[in-house]
Protein backbone atom coordinates (compact mmCIF):
# COMPACT_ATOMS: atom_id res chain seq x y z
CA UNK A 1 143.38 71.04 112.14
CA UNK A 2 141.35 74.23 111.98
CA UNK A 3 142.40 76.20 108.91
CA UNK A 4 141.37 79.86 108.65
CA UNK A 5 141.92 81.60 105.30
CA UNK A 6 141.36 85.26 104.44
CA UNK A 7 138.88 85.76 107.29
CA UNK A 8 137.46 89.25 107.74
CA UNK A 9 134.49 90.40 109.79
CA UNK A 10 132.84 93.69 110.68
CA UNK A 11 129.98 94.91 112.87
CA UNK A 12 128.24 97.53 110.78
CA UNK A 13 131.03 99.83 109.62
CA UNK A 14 133.41 98.71 112.38
CA UNK A 15 136.06 96.18 111.22
CA UNK A 16 136.74 93.45 113.78
CA UNK A 17 138.92 90.94 111.92
CA UNK A 18 141.26 91.77 109.05
CA UNK A 19 142.15 89.08 106.52
CA UNK A 20 143.21 86.44 109.06
CA UNK A 21 145.00 83.36 107.79
CA UNK A 22 146.18 80.82 110.36
CA UNK A 23 146.23 77.15 111.27
CA UNK A 24 145.22 75.87 114.70
CA UNK A 25 146.92 72.52 115.21
CA UNK A 26 145.04 69.38 116.09
CA UNK A 27 145.51 68.10 119.63
CA UNK A 28 146.45 69.80 122.87
CA UNK A 29 145.42 73.24 124.08
CA UNK A 30 145.56 76.35 121.90
CA UNK A 31 145.11 79.70 123.65
CA UNK A 32 143.85 82.80 121.83
CA UNK A 33 145.30 85.82 123.61
CA UNK A 34 145.38 89.55 123.07
CA UNK A 35 144.05 92.83 124.49
CA UNK A 36 140.37 93.65 124.81
CA UNK A 37 138.75 94.15 121.43
CA UNK A 38 141.38 92.11 119.59
CA UNK A 39 138.75 89.88 117.94
CA UNK A 40 139.40 86.69 119.91
CA UNK A 41 135.76 85.92 120.74
CA UNK A 42 134.68 86.85 117.22
CA UNK A 43 137.19 84.41 115.75
CA UNK A 44 135.99 81.65 118.07
CA UNK A 45 132.34 82.40 117.27
CA UNK A 46 132.98 82.28 113.52
CA UNK A 47 134.75 78.92 113.84
CA UNK A 48 131.69 77.59 115.68
CA UNK A 49 129.31 79.30 113.23
CA UNK A 50 127.60 81.31 115.95
CA UNK A 51 127.63 84.14 113.41
CA UNK A 52 127.54 84.19 109.64
CA UNK A 53 130.73 84.30 107.62
CA UNK A 54 131.27 87.55 105.72
CA UNK A 55 134.58 86.97 103.97
CA UNK A 56 137.07 84.12 103.99
CA UNK A 57 136.89 80.41 104.72
CA UNK A 58 137.19 78.14 107.75
CA UNK A 59 137.85 74.41 107.51
CA UNK A 60 137.64 72.07 110.51
CA UNK A 61 139.52 69.05 109.24
CA UNK A 62 137.70 68.43 105.94
CA UNK A 63 134.49 70.29 106.85
CA UNK A 64 133.79 73.75 105.47
CA UNK A 65 132.13 75.55 108.37
CA UNK A 66 130.04 77.79 106.12
CA UNK A 67 128.12 74.99 104.42
CA UNK A 68 128.34 71.95 106.69
CA UNK A 69 124.93 70.82 108.03
CA UNK A 70 124.45 71.89 111.63
CA UNK A 71 124.03 68.40 113.03
CA UNK A 72 127.25 67.27 111.35
CA UNK A 73 129.18 70.28 112.65
CA UNK A 74 127.81 69.70 116.16
CA UNK A 75 129.39 66.27 116.16
CA UNK A 76 132.76 67.74 115.14
CA UNK A 77 133.05 70.74 117.47
CA UNK A 78 131.41 72.07 120.62
CA UNK A 79 131.52 75.59 122.00
CA UNK A 80 130.94 77.16 125.40
CA UNK A 81 130.27 80.90 124.89
CA UNK A 82 130.86 83.48 127.61
CA UNK A 83 127.15 83.79 128.40
CA UNK A 84 125.80 80.38 129.39
CA UNK A 85 122.62 81.06 131.36
CA UNK A 86 120.64 77.98 132.40
CA UNK A 87 117.95 77.27 134.97
CA UNK A 88 119.69 77.34 138.37
CA UNK A 89 117.54 74.47 139.71
CA UNK A 90 118.95 72.04 137.16
CA UNK A 91 121.16 69.34 138.62
CA UNK A 92 124.75 69.02 137.47
CA UNK A 93 123.90 65.73 135.77
CA UNK A 94 120.95 67.29 133.93
CA UNK A 95 123.11 70.15 132.68
CA UNK A 96 125.89 67.86 131.48
CA UNK A 97 123.35 65.63 129.71
CA UNK A 98 122.40 68.57 127.44
CA UNK A 99 125.74 68.02 125.71
CA UNK A 100 124.43 64.76 124.28
CA UNK A 101 121.48 66.29 122.42
CA UNK A 102 123.25 66.52 119.01
CA UNK A 103 123.62 62.75 119.18
CA UNK A 104 120.30 61.51 120.58
CA UNK A 105 117.91 64.31 119.52
CA UNK A 106 115.80 63.81 122.64
CA UNK A 107 116.02 60.00 122.83
CA UNK A 108 119.05 59.27 125.07
CA UNK A 109 120.51 55.79 124.95
CA UNK A 110 122.68 53.85 127.36
CA UNK A 111 125.71 55.13 125.47
CA UNK A 112 124.58 58.73 125.99
CA UNK A 113 124.21 58.12 129.71
CA UNK A 114 127.67 56.55 129.77
CA UNK A 115 129.16 59.62 128.06
CA UNK A 116 127.55 61.86 130.69
CA UNK A 117 129.10 59.79 133.46
CA UNK A 118 132.48 59.98 131.72
CA UNK A 119 132.21 63.77 131.51
CA UNK A 120 131.26 64.04 135.18
CA UNK A 121 134.27 61.93 136.13
CA UNK A 122 136.66 63.82 133.84
CA UNK A 123 135.82 67.10 135.57
CA UNK A 124 135.64 65.70 139.10
CA UNK A 125 131.88 66.22 139.37
CA UNK A 126 130.60 62.71 140.08
CA UNK A 127 130.07 63.33 143.79
CA UNK A 128 127.95 66.41 143.10
CA UNK A 129 126.02 65.05 140.09
CA UNK A 130 122.62 65.44 141.77
CA UNK A 131 123.26 68.83 143.33
CA UNK A 132 121.50 71.85 141.84
CA UNK A 133 123.60 74.40 140.02
CA UNK A 134 122.62 77.17 142.44
CA UNK A 135 124.21 75.19 145.30
CA UNK A 136 127.66 75.19 143.67
CA UNK A 137 130.55 77.60 143.84
CA UNK A 138 131.42 79.63 140.76
CA UNK A 139 134.30 77.31 139.95
CA UNK A 140 132.14 74.21 140.28
CA UNK A 141 129.43 75.69 138.04
CA UNK A 142 132.00 76.56 135.41
CA UNK A 143 133.38 73.02 135.53
CA UNK A 144 129.84 71.72 135.03
CA UNK A 145 129.37 73.90 131.95
CA UNK A 146 132.69 72.77 130.50
CA UNK A 147 131.76 69.15 131.28
CA UNK A 148 128.54 69.64 129.29
CA UNK A 149 130.65 70.74 126.32
CA UNK A 150 132.98 67.76 126.81
CA UNK A 151 129.99 65.37 126.92
CA UNK A 152 129.17 66.41 123.36
CA UNK A 153 132.09 64.11 122.52
CA UNK A 154 133.56 66.23 119.75
CA UNK A 155 137.14 66.30 118.54
CA UNK A 156 137.25 70.08 118.99
CA UNK A 157 136.18 71.95 122.14
CA UNK A 158 135.96 75.76 121.94
CA UNK A 159 135.82 77.77 125.17
CA UNK A 160 135.34 81.53 125.36
CA UNK A 161 137.03 82.93 128.47
CA UNK A 162 136.32 79.94 130.73
CA UNK A 163 138.33 81.50 133.60
CA UNK A 164 136.12 84.60 133.86
CA UNK A 165 135.21 85.36 137.49
CA UNK A 166 137.18 82.39 138.83
CA UNK A 167 139.70 82.73 141.65
CA UNK A 168 143.26 81.46 141.31
CA UNK A 169 142.51 78.03 142.79
CA UNK A 170 139.51 77.42 140.52
CA UNK A 171 141.39 78.76 137.49
CA UNK A 172 144.38 76.49 138.06
CA UNK A 173 142.13 73.50 138.67
CA UNK A 174 140.14 74.07 135.48
CA UNK A 175 143.22 74.59 133.32
CA UNK A 176 144.77 71.37 134.66
CA UNK A 177 141.56 69.51 133.87
CA UNK A 178 141.46 70.96 130.35
CA UNK A 179 145.05 69.85 129.75
CA UNK A 180 144.13 66.38 130.94
CA UNK A 181 141.08 66.26 128.67
CA UNK A 182 143.13 67.39 125.68
CA UNK A 183 146.01 64.99 126.18
CA UNK A 184 144.33 61.98 127.78
CA UNK A 185 141.15 61.98 125.68
CA UNK A 186 142.61 63.15 122.38
CA UNK A 187 140.64 66.40 122.20
CA UNK A 188 141.67 69.72 120.69
CA UNK A 189 140.84 72.55 123.11
CA UNK A 190 140.79 76.10 121.74
CA UNK A 191 140.25 78.68 124.45
CA UNK A 192 140.21 82.46 124.77
CA UNK A 193 142.32 83.52 127.76
CA UNK A 194 143.01 86.98 129.16
CA UNK A 195 145.87 86.02 131.46
CA UNK A 196 149.04 85.49 129.46
CA UNK A 197 150.58 83.48 132.31
CA UNK A 198 147.79 80.88 132.20
CA UNK A 199 148.28 80.65 128.45
CA UNK A 200 152.04 80.28 128.86
CA UNK A 201 151.77 77.72 131.67
CA UNK A 202 149.06 75.46 130.26
CA UNK A 203 148.74 75.92 126.49
CA UNK A 204 150.66 73.92 123.91
CA UNK A 205 150.14 76.61 121.28
CA UNK A 206 149.44 80.36 121.52
CA UNK A 207 147.80 82.57 118.89
CA UNK A 208 148.04 86.32 119.50
CA UNK A 209 145.66 88.91 118.10
CA UNK A 210 145.69 92.69 118.20
CA UNK A 211 143.17 94.96 116.52
CA UNK A 212 141.76 92.02 114.55
CA UNK A 213 145.13 91.18 113.06
CA UNK A 214 147.29 88.13 113.63
CA UNK A 215 150.39 88.48 115.79
CA UNK A 216 153.06 85.94 116.75
CA UNK A 217 151.88 82.32 117.05
CA UNK A 218 153.55 79.13 118.21
CA UNK A 219 154.76 77.36 121.33
CA UNK A 220 154.64 79.55 124.48
CA UNK A 221 158.42 79.60 124.84
CA UNK A 222 158.71 80.89 121.27
CA UNK A 223 155.88 83.45 121.48
CA UNK A 224 155.99 84.99 124.94
CA UNK A 225 158.73 87.62 124.90
CA UNK A 226 159.34 91.22 125.88
CA UNK A 227 158.89 92.26 122.24
CA UNK A 228 155.55 90.42 121.94
CA UNK A 229 154.23 92.00 125.13
CA UNK A 230 155.15 95.42 123.81
CA UNK A 231 153.77 94.93 120.29
CA UNK A 232 150.57 93.01 121.16
CA UNK A 233 149.65 94.21 124.65
CA UNK A 234 151.40 97.59 124.68
CA UNK A 235 153.13 96.90 127.99
CA UNK A 236 156.75 96.82 129.11
CA UNK A 237 156.17 93.88 131.50
CA UNK A 238 159.21 91.61 131.71
CA UNK A 239 159.44 87.94 130.75
CA UNK A 240 161.29 85.56 133.08
CA UNK A 241 162.04 81.84 133.14
CA UNK A 242 160.89 79.96 136.23
CA UNK A 243 160.75 76.21 136.77
CA UNK A 244 161.13 75.58 133.06
CA UNK A 245 158.22 77.89 132.23
CA UNK A 246 158.12 81.26 130.50
CA UNK A 247 156.26 83.73 132.72
CA UNK A 248 155.44 87.42 132.73
CA UNK A 249 156.32 89.48 135.78
CA UNK A 250 153.44 91.65 136.97
């Protein structure tokens, strides 16, 4: 479980997060949703210690994020930020192998190579392992980046807007793969999503944020409602039930 207590953060004089206290359950997919500027990426970055804590506390299982050694934390959680620029001539296999660095520190073993192969297979990349990144579609490149994070072999995988710039086919494919990784490999996936329907269709747990403050959280069927859309997103879009799923009409 990721336990956030009294978390506040500001950029200069601008407050971003306000005294957040929440638990992110272990296992499955948790989606962080909310309007632009809600603080979703900041929350994810603080959990991964991409920025320094200012107020509050974050525990990942029994590890205090603020004072856990970096190499220990890197074996507990992995993060894929929004900006993930790498050399385009790298092969898919070379990129994915970067995820093993916290374990081998530059001296890869047979086990590290096996983990890379497992990650390639999990994200349907084995057939293109030797292709360069610049020869791939946007969806394939994004899968390769997520596979690199998966290869780190951590219990927690944090993804910041992994569906950015992906079309509907690539988005659906990636979300299905993430669900498979979470449930079949016992990982906890925490992801920032902009599309409430992807969150509702694929997440086990939703956390809503607005203006740096916590909104409704829980199972999609319990969270996604007309009232939530109005209070969190400021829209009068209508919620419907379709095929056993709770969806938002657009």
